[in-house]
């Protein structure tokens, strides 16, 4: 009887969650506080993963929130929420998903709480960010990367 080679056992651990960078800009305060508060709010997300050792990775989720009243910026708040994660035994597609969807899902509540606190300390009404579907964003990014490039033949 021949033995089947066993797949490496998968292992995942959260080593540390930390605030890597934070900023709040309120370029039009205090006059912006005298205006009716009906801002247009834009939220941008970015993830970055860096290997530190063979199985230790830093994942940084950057969340940037910009609130404007007309063409004037009320505030620009940005949080870089970092985490150290041990990942072992995952193949390349699984590793990509873990680093760019699963780990950001873990970091997002920390970033959301920090942004809410930061914006409140800036004197603005509380902001509660909706949950983010990092799995869907990751799949969308993969599909965009795999889309065939269409040559530009217009001259």
N, C-alpha and C. Protein backbone atom coordinates (compact mmCIF):
# COMPACT_ATOMS: atom_id res chain seq x y z
N UNK A 1 0.84 -1.16 0.00
CA UNK A 1 0.00 0.00 0.00
C UNK A 1 0.89 1.24 0.00
N UNK A 2 0.67 2.11 -1.00
CA UNK A 2 1.50 3.31 -1.07
C UNK A 2 0.82 4.45 -0.31
N UNK A 3 1.65 5.26 0.30
CA UNK A 3 1.12 6.38 1.07
C UNK A 3 0.98 7.60 0.17
N UNK A 4 -0.12 8.28 0.32
CA UNK A 4 -0.35 9.53 -0.41
C UNK A 4 0.42 10.64 0.29
N UNK A 5 1.07 11.52 -0.48
CA UNK A 5 1.72 12.66 0.18
C UNK A 5 0.65 13.55 0.81
N UNK A 6 0.90 13.97 2.02
CA UNK A 6 -0.08 14.79 2.71
C UNK A 6 0.14 16.26 2.38
N UNK A 7 -0.96 16.95 2.19
CA UNK A 7 -0.87 18.39 1.97
C UNK A 7 -0.37 19.04 3.26
N UNK A 8 0.42 20.11 3.12
CA UNK A 8 0.89 20.76 4.34
C UNK A 8 -0.30 21.27 5.15
N UNK A 9 -0.20 21.13 6.44
CA UNK A 9 -1.28 21.59 7.30
C UNK A 9 -1.32 23.11 7.32
N UNK A 10 -2.51 23.64 7.16
CA UNK A 10 -2.66 25.09 7.15
C UNK A 10 -2.67 25.62 8.57
N UNK A 11 -1.99 26.76 8.73
CA UNK A 11 -1.89 27.38 10.05
C UNK A 11 -2.05 28.88 9.90
N UNK A 12 -2.90 29.48 10.75
CA UNK A 12 -3.12 30.92 10.74
C UNK A 12 -3.16 31.42 12.17
N UNK A 13 -2.43 32.50 12.43
CA UNK A 13 -2.44 33.14 13.74
C UNK A 13 -2.37 34.65 13.57
N UNK A 14 -3.07 35.35 14.45
CA UNK A 14 -2.90 36.80 14.55
C UNK A 14 -1.82 37.03 15.59
N UNK A 15 -0.71 37.64 15.19
CA UNK A 15 0.37 37.91 16.13
C UNK A 15 0.17 39.25 16.84
N UNK A 16 -0.28 40.27 16.07
CA UNK A 16 -0.43 41.60 16.63
C UNK A 16 -1.29 42.43 15.71
N UNK A 17 -2.11 43.31 16.30
CA UNK A 17 -2.88 44.30 15.56
C UNK A 17 -2.46 45.65 16.12
N UNK A 18 -2.13 46.60 15.25
CA UNK A 18 -1.59 47.87 15.72
C UNK A 18 -1.94 49.00 14.75
N UNK A 19 -1.91 50.19 15.29
CA UNK A 19 -2.13 51.39 14.50
C UNK A 19 -0.79 51.82 13.93
N UNK A 20 -0.68 51.83 12.60
CA UNK A 20 0.61 52.15 11.96
C UNK A 20 0.72 53.64 11.67
N UNK A 21 -0.37 54.27 11.24
CA UNK A 21 -0.34 55.69 10.94
C UNK A 21 -1.76 56.22 11.03
N UNK A 22 -1.90 57.47 11.44
CA UNK A 22 -3.21 58.09 11.55
C UNK A 22 -3.06 59.58 11.27
N UNK A 23 -4.04 60.15 10.56
CA UNK A 23 -4.00 61.60 10.34
C UNK A 23 -5.41 62.14 10.17
N UNK A 24 -5.57 63.40 10.58
CA UNK A 24 -6.82 64.12 10.42
C UNK A 24 -6.48 65.54 9.99
N UNK A 25 -7.06 65.95 8.88
CA UNK A 25 -6.89 67.32 8.40
C UNK A 25 -8.26 67.96 8.36
N UNK A 26 -8.37 69.16 8.93
CA UNK A 26 -9.62 69.93 8.91
C UNK A 26 -9.30 71.32 8.39
N UNK A 27 -9.04 71.45 7.09
CA UNK A 27 -8.51 72.69 6.55
C UNK A 27 -9.46 73.89 6.64
N UNK A 28 -10.74 73.67 6.78
CA UNK A 28 -11.68 74.78 6.80
C UNK A 28 -12.37 74.97 8.14
N UNK A 29 -11.77 74.43 9.21
CA UNK A 29 -12.35 74.69 10.53
C UNK A 29 -11.75 75.98 11.06
N UNK A 30 -12.45 76.77 11.81
CA UNK A 30 -13.74 76.50 12.40
C UNK A 30 -14.93 76.96 11.56
N UNK A 31 -14.69 77.67 10.45
CA UNK A 31 -15.84 78.21 9.70
C UNK A 31 -16.75 77.12 9.16
N UNK A 32 -16.21 75.94 8.89
CA UNK A 32 -17.02 74.84 8.34
C UNK A 32 -18.10 74.42 9.35
N UNK A 33 -17.85 74.65 10.65
CA UNK A 33 -18.82 74.28 11.68
C UNK A 33 -20.07 75.17 11.67
N UNK A 34 -19.99 76.30 10.99
CA UNK A 34 -21.14 77.21 10.95
C UNK A 34 -22.08 76.89 9.81
N UNK A 35 -21.71 75.93 8.97
CA UNK A 35 -22.52 75.57 7.81
C UNK A 35 -23.41 74.37 8.12
N UNK A 36 -24.48 74.23 7.33
CA UNK A 36 -25.37 73.09 7.50
C UNK A 36 -24.60 71.82 7.12
N UNK A 37 -24.69 70.79 7.95
CA UNK A 37 -23.89 69.58 7.78
C UNK A 37 -24.60 68.58 6.88
N UNK A 38 -24.31 68.66 5.58
CA UNK A 38 -24.80 67.68 4.61
C UNK A 38 -23.63 67.36 3.67
N UNK A 39 -22.65 66.64 4.18
CA UNK A 39 -21.44 66.42 3.39
C UNK A 39 -21.60 65.33 2.34
N UNK A 40 -20.75 65.40 1.34
CA UNK A 40 -20.53 64.28 0.43
C UNK A 40 -19.29 63.58 0.97
N UNK A 41 -19.43 62.28 1.20
CA UNK A 41 -18.34 61.54 1.82
C UNK A 41 -17.82 60.48 0.85
N UNK A 42 -16.51 60.42 0.73
CA UNK A 42 -15.85 59.43 -0.12
C UNK A 42 -14.96 58.56 0.76
N UNK A 43 -15.02 57.24 0.56
CA UNK A 43 -14.20 56.29 1.32
C UNK A 43 -13.33 55.54 0.32
N UNK A 44 -12.03 55.52 0.59
CA UNK A 44 -11.07 54.76 -0.24
C UNK A 44 -10.39 53.72 0.63
N UNK A 45 -10.21 52.53 0.06
CA UNK A 45 -9.56 51.43 0.76
C UNK A 45 -8.35 50.97 -0.03
N UNK A 46 -7.34 50.55 0.70
CA UNK A 46 -6.15 49.97 0.07
C UNK A 46 -5.58 48.93 1.01
N UNK A 47 -5.14 47.81 0.45
CA UNK A 47 -4.48 46.79 1.26
C UNK A 47 -3.09 46.56 0.72
N UNK A 48 -2.19 46.25 1.63
CA UNK A 48 -0.82 45.97 1.26
C UNK A 48 -0.31 44.85 2.16
N UNK A 49 0.37 43.88 1.59
CA UNK A 49 0.92 42.76 2.36
C UNK A 49 2.41 42.65 2.08
N UNK A 50 3.18 42.52 3.15
CA UNK A 50 4.63 42.43 3.04
C UNK A 50 5.12 41.21 3.81
N UNK A 51 5.86 40.30 3.15
CA UNK A 51 6.42 39.17 3.89
C UNK A 51 7.59 39.64 4.75
N UNK A 52 7.60 39.22 6.01
CA UNK A 52 8.71 39.56 6.91
C UNK A 52 9.64 38.37 7.09
N UNK A 53 9.07 37.17 7.16
CA UNK A 53 9.83 35.92 7.16
C UNK A 53 9.05 34.97 6.25
N UNK A 54 9.45 33.71 6.23
CA UNK A 54 8.78 32.74 5.36
C UNK A 54 7.29 32.63 5.65
N UNK A 55 6.91 32.76 6.92
CA UNK A 55 5.49 32.60 7.25
C UNK A 55 4.92 33.72 8.12
N UNK A 56 5.61 34.84 8.21
CA UNK A 56 5.12 36.00 8.96
C UNK A 56 4.93 37.17 7.98
N UNK A 57 3.73 37.75 8.00
CA UNK A 57 3.39 38.81 7.05
C UNK A 57 2.81 40.01 7.78
N UNK A 58 3.18 41.19 7.29
CA UNK A 58 2.52 42.41 7.74
C UNK A 58 1.46 42.74 6.71
N UNK A 59 0.23 42.95 7.17
CA UNK A 59 -0.85 43.40 6.31
C UNK A 59 -1.27 44.77 6.83
N UNK A 60 -1.36 45.74 5.91
CA UNK A 60 -1.78 47.09 6.28
C UNK A 60 -3.02 47.44 5.47
N UNK A 61 -4.07 47.80 6.20
CA UNK A 61 -5.30 48.28 5.59
C UNK A 61 -5.33 49.79 5.77
N UNK A 62 -5.39 50.51 4.65
CA UNK A 62 -5.48 51.97 4.69
C UNK A 62 -6.90 52.37 4.33
N UNK A 63 -7.54 53.12 5.21
CA UNK A 63 -8.89 53.62 4.98
C UNK A 63 -8.81 55.14 5.02
N UNK A 64 -9.22 55.77 3.92
CA UNK A 64 -9.19 57.23 3.81
C UNK A 64 -10.62 57.72 3.61
N UNK A 65 -11.04 58.66 4.44
CA UNK A 65 -12.38 59.23 4.37
C UNK A 65 -12.24 60.73 4.13
N UNK A 66 -12.90 61.20 3.07
CA UNK A 66 -12.91 62.63 2.76
C UNK A 66 -14.36 63.10 2.79
N UNK A 67 -14.63 64.15 3.57
CA UNK A 67 -15.97 64.74 3.64
C UNK A 67 -15.88 66.17 3.11
N UNK A 68 -16.77 66.49 2.17
CA UNK A 68 -16.78 67.82 1.58
C UNK A 68 -18.16 68.44 1.68
N UNK A 69 -18.17 69.74 1.87
CA UNK A 69 -19.39 70.55 1.75
C UNK A 69 -19.18 71.39 0.50
N UNK A 70 -19.88 71.03 -0.56
CA UNK A 70 -19.62 71.70 -1.84
C UNK A 70 -18.22 71.37 -2.29
N UNK A 71 -17.44 72.41 -2.59
CA UNK A 71 -16.06 72.16 -3.04
C UNK A 71 -15.05 72.34 -1.91
N UNK A 72 -15.54 72.52 -0.69
CA UNK A 72 -14.64 72.73 0.45
C UNK A 72 -14.52 71.45 1.27
N UNK A 73 -13.30 71.10 1.61
CA UNK A 73 -13.06 69.90 2.42
C UNK A 73 -13.35 70.19 3.88
N UNK A 74 -14.26 69.42 4.45
CA UNK A 74 -14.54 69.52 5.89
C UNK A 74 -13.44 68.78 6.65
N UNK A 75 -13.20 67.53 6.24
CA UNK A 75 -12.09 66.79 6.84
C UNK A 75 -11.60 65.72 5.90
N UNK A 76 -10.35 65.35 6.13
CA UNK A 76 -9.73 64.21 5.47
C UNK A 76 -9.11 63.40 6.59
N UNK A 77 -9.61 62.19 6.80
CA UNK A 77 -9.11 61.32 7.87
C UNK A 77 -8.56 60.05 7.24
N UNK A 78 -7.40 59.63 7.73
CA UNK A 78 -6.80 58.41 7.19
C UNK A 78 -6.21 57.59 8.32
N UNK A 79 -6.48 56.29 8.27
CA UNK A 79 -5.95 55.35 9.24
C UNK A 79 -5.27 54.21 8.48
N UNK A 80 -4.05 53.91 8.90
CA UNK A 80 -3.36 52.71 8.42
C UNK A 80 -3.35 51.73 9.59
N UNK A 81 -4.19 50.70 9.47
CA UNK A 81 -4.31 49.69 10.51
C UNK A 81 -3.45 48.50 10.11
N UNK A 82 -2.48 48.18 10.93
CA UNK A 82 -1.56 47.10 10.60
C UNK A 82 -1.82 45.85 11.42
N UNK A 83 -1.34 44.75 10.89
CA UNK A 83 -1.43 43.49 11.61
C UNK A 83 -0.29 42.57 11.20
N UNK A 84 0.18 41.79 12.14
CA UNK A 84 1.17 40.75 11.86
C UNK A 84 0.45 39.41 11.94
N UNK A 85 0.60 38.63 10.87
CA UNK A 85 -0.12 37.37 10.76
C UNK A 85 0.85 36.24 10.38
N UNK A 86 0.68 35.10 11.02
CA UNK A 86 1.42 33.90 10.65
C UNK A 86 0.53 33.09 9.71
N UNK A 87 1.04 32.79 8.53
CA UNK A 87 0.32 31.97 7.56
C UNK A 87 1.27 30.90 7.04
N UNK A 88 0.83 29.66 7.13
CA UNK A 88 1.68 28.55 6.71
C UNK A 88 0.80 27.48 6.08
N UNK A 89 1.27 26.89 4.99
CA UNK A 89 0.57 25.76 4.38
C UNK A 89 -0.50 26.13 3.38
N UNK A 90 -0.53 27.39 2.95
CA UNK A 90 -1.51 27.82 1.96
C UNK A 90 -0.87 27.88 0.58
N UNK A 91 -1.59 27.43 -0.46
CA UNK A 91 -1.04 27.56 -1.81
C UNK A 91 -1.18 29.03 -2.24
N UNK A 92 -0.61 29.38 -3.40
CA UNK A 92 -0.57 30.78 -3.82
C UNK A 92 -1.94 31.45 -3.91
N UNK A 93 -2.94 30.82 -4.57
CA UNK A 93 -4.26 31.48 -4.61
C UNK A 93 -4.86 31.67 -3.22
N UNK A 94 -4.71 30.68 -2.36
CA UNK A 94 -5.22 30.80 -0.99
C UNK A 94 -4.48 31.90 -0.24
N UNK A 95 -3.17 31.98 -0.43
CA UNK A 95 -2.35 32.97 0.26
C UNK A 95 -2.78 34.38 -0.15
N UNK A 96 -3.02 34.58 -1.45
CA UNK A 96 -3.48 35.88 -1.93
C UNK A 96 -4.80 36.27 -1.28
N UNK A 97 -5.71 35.32 -1.21
CA UNK A 97 -7.01 35.58 -0.57
C UNK A 97 -6.84 35.89 0.91
N UNK A 98 -6.01 35.14 1.60
CA UNK A 98 -5.79 35.36 3.03
C UNK A 98 -5.22 36.76 3.28
N UNK A 99 -4.21 37.15 2.49
CA UNK A 99 -3.52 38.42 2.73
C UNK A 99 -4.33 39.64 2.28
N UNK A 100 -5.16 39.49 1.25
CA UNK A 100 -5.84 40.66 0.68
C UNK A 100 -7.35 40.68 0.92
N UNK A 101 -7.89 39.67 1.59
CA UNK A 101 -9.32 39.67 1.90
C UNK A 101 -9.55 39.26 3.36
N UNK A 102 -9.04 38.10 3.76
CA UNK A 102 -9.30 37.58 5.10
C UNK A 102 -8.68 38.48 6.18
N UNK A 103 -7.39 38.81 6.03
CA UNK A 103 -6.71 39.66 7.02
C UNK A 103 -7.29 41.08 7.06
N UNK A 104 -7.55 41.73 5.90
CA UNK A 104 -8.20 43.05 5.97
C UNK A 104 -9.57 43.00 6.66
N UNK A 105 -10.30 41.89 6.50
CA UNK A 105 -11.57 41.72 7.21
C UNK A 105 -11.36 41.78 8.72
N UNK A 106 -10.27 41.23 9.20
CA UNK A 106 -9.94 41.25 10.62
C UNK A 106 -9.57 42.67 11.06
N UNK A 107 -8.82 43.39 10.21
CA UNK A 107 -8.32 44.72 10.56
C UNK A 107 -9.39 45.81 10.48
N UNK A 108 -10.39 45.61 9.62
CA UNK A 108 -11.36 46.68 9.35
C UNK A 108 -12.09 47.20 10.60
N UNK A 109 -12.59 46.35 11.50
CA UNK A 109 -13.27 46.90 12.68
C UNK A 109 -12.37 47.82 13.53
N UNK A 110 -11.09 47.50 13.60
CA UNK A 110 -10.16 48.35 14.35
C UNK A 110 -10.01 49.70 13.65
N UNK A 111 -9.86 49.68 12.32
CA UNK A 111 -9.73 50.93 11.56
C UNK A 111 -11.01 51.75 11.65
N UNK A 112 -12.16 51.09 11.56
CA UNK A 112 -13.45 51.79 11.63
C UNK A 112 -13.61 52.50 12.98
N UNK A 113 -13.25 51.81 14.06
CA UNK A 113 -13.37 52.40 15.39
C UNK A 113 -12.44 53.60 15.53
N UNK A 114 -11.22 53.47 15.04
CA UNK A 114 -10.25 54.56 15.13
C UNK A 114 -10.70 55.76 14.32
N UNK A 115 -11.22 55.54 13.13
CA UNK A 115 -11.72 56.65 12.30
C UNK A 115 -12.89 57.35 12.98
N UNK A 116 -13.82 56.59 13.53
CA UNK A 116 -14.96 57.19 14.21
C UNK A 116 -14.52 58.08 15.36
N UNK A 117 -13.57 57.60 16.14
CA UNK A 117 -13.05 58.37 17.27
C UNK A 117 -12.31 59.62 16.79
N UNK A 118 -11.49 59.46 15.78
CA UNK A 118 -10.69 60.56 15.24
C UNK A 118 -11.58 61.68 14.69
N UNK A 119 -12.58 61.31 13.92
CA UNK A 119 -13.49 62.28 13.32
C UNK A 119 -14.29 63.00 14.41
N UNK A 120 -14.72 62.27 15.43
CA UNK A 120 -15.42 62.88 16.56
C UNK A 120 -14.54 63.87 17.30
N UNK A 121 -13.27 63.53 17.49
CA UNK A 121 -12.35 64.44 18.17
C UNK A 121 -12.10 65.70 17.34
N UNK A 122 -12.31 65.59 16.03
CA UNK A 122 -12.17 66.76 15.16
C UNK A 122 -13.38 67.68 15.23
N UNK A 123 -14.40 67.30 16.02
CA UNK A 123 -15.58 68.14 16.19
C UNK A 123 -16.71 67.85 15.22
N UNK A 124 -16.59 66.75 14.48
CA UNK A 124 -17.59 66.43 13.46
C UNK A 124 -18.53 65.34 13.96
N UNK A 125 -19.74 65.27 13.36
CA UNK A 125 -20.68 64.19 13.74
C UNK A 125 -20.05 62.82 13.49
N UNK A 126 -20.49 61.86 14.29
CA UNK A 126 -19.96 60.50 14.19
C UNK A 126 -20.15 59.94 12.79
N UNK A 127 -19.19 59.18 12.36
CA UNK A 127 -19.25 58.49 11.08
C UNK A 127 -19.20 57.00 11.37
N UNK A 128 -20.17 56.27 10.86
CA UNK A 128 -20.16 54.81 11.01
C UNK A 128 -20.04 54.21 9.62
N UNK A 129 -18.89 53.62 9.35
CA UNK A 129 -18.67 53.00 8.05
C UNK A 129 -19.40 51.67 7.98
N UNK A 130 -20.04 51.42 6.85
CA UNK A 130 -20.71 50.14 6.62
C UNK A 130 -19.68 49.03 6.49
N UNK A 131 -20.08 47.79 6.76
CA UNK A 131 -19.16 46.67 6.54
C UNK A 131 -18.70 46.64 5.08
N UNK A 132 -17.51 46.11 4.88
CA UNK A 132 -16.91 46.02 3.54
C UNK A 132 -16.78 44.55 3.17
N UNK A 133 -17.14 44.23 1.92
CA UNK A 133 -16.99 42.86 1.42
C UNK A 133 -15.60 42.72 0.78
N UNK A 134 -14.60 42.44 1.60
CA UNK A 134 -13.24 42.32 1.10
C UNK A 134 -13.08 41.13 0.17
N UNK A 135 -13.87 40.06 0.38
CA UNK A 135 -13.81 38.91 -0.52
C UNK A 135 -14.24 39.33 -1.91
N UNK A 136 -15.35 40.08 -2.00
CA UNK A 136 -15.84 40.56 -3.29
C UNK A 136 -14.86 41.50 -3.96
N UNK A 137 -14.26 42.42 -3.18
CA UNK A 137 -13.28 43.35 -3.74
C UNK A 137 -12.06 42.61 -4.28
N UNK A 138 -11.62 41.59 -3.54
CA UNK A 138 -10.46 40.81 -3.97
C UNK A 138 -10.76 40.05 -5.26
N UNK A 139 -11.94 39.43 -5.33
CA UNK A 139 -12.32 38.70 -6.55
C UNK A 139 -12.43 39.65 -7.74
N UNK A 140 -12.98 40.83 -7.50
CA UNK A 140 -13.11 41.84 -8.56
C UNK A 140 -11.73 42.25 -9.07
N UNK A 141 -10.79 42.44 -8.15
CA UNK A 141 -9.43 42.81 -8.55
C UNK A 141 -8.76 41.70 -9.35
N UNK A 142 -8.97 40.45 -8.93
CA UNK A 142 -8.41 39.32 -9.68
C UNK A 142 -8.97 39.27 -11.10
N UNK A 143 -10.28 39.48 -11.23
CA UNK A 143 -10.91 39.47 -12.56
C UNK A 143 -10.36 40.59 -13.43
N UNK A 144 -10.14 41.75 -12.86
CA UNK A 144 -9.59 42.87 -13.63
C UNK A 144 -8.17 42.56 -14.10
N UNK A 145 -7.38 41.89 -13.24
CA UNK A 145 -6.01 41.54 -13.61
C UNK A 145 -5.97 40.48 -14.70
N UNK A 146 -6.99 39.62 -14.74
CA UNK A 146 -7.03 38.54 -15.71
C UNK A 146 -7.70 38.94 -17.01
N UNK A 147 -8.34 40.10 -17.02
CA UNK A 147 -9.05 40.56 -18.24
C UNK A 147 -8.02 40.78 -19.35
N UNK A 148 -8.33 40.29 -20.55
CA UNK A 148 -7.38 40.49 -21.65
C UNK A 148 -7.26 41.97 -22.00
N UNK A 149 -6.04 42.36 -22.30
CA UNK A 149 -5.80 43.74 -22.70
C UNK A 149 -6.26 43.91 -24.15
N UNK A 150 -7.09 44.88 -24.39
CA UNK A 150 -7.57 45.16 -25.73
C UNK A 150 -6.68 46.23 -26.34
N UNK A 151 -6.02 45.90 -27.45
CA UNK A 151 -5.11 46.89 -28.03
C UNK A 151 -5.91 48.09 -28.57
N UNK A 152 -5.31 49.26 -28.42
CA UNK A 152 -5.94 50.48 -28.90
C UNK A 152 -5.55 50.66 -30.37
N UNK A 153 -6.52 50.47 -31.26
CA UNK A 153 -6.23 50.56 -32.69
C UNK A 153 -6.77 51.84 -33.30
N UNK A 154 -7.28 52.74 -32.45
CA UNK A 154 -7.78 54.01 -32.99
C UNK A 154 -6.62 54.97 -33.21
N UNK A 155 -6.56 55.50 -34.39
CA UNK A 155 -5.52 56.48 -34.73
C UNK A 155 -6.15 57.68 -35.36
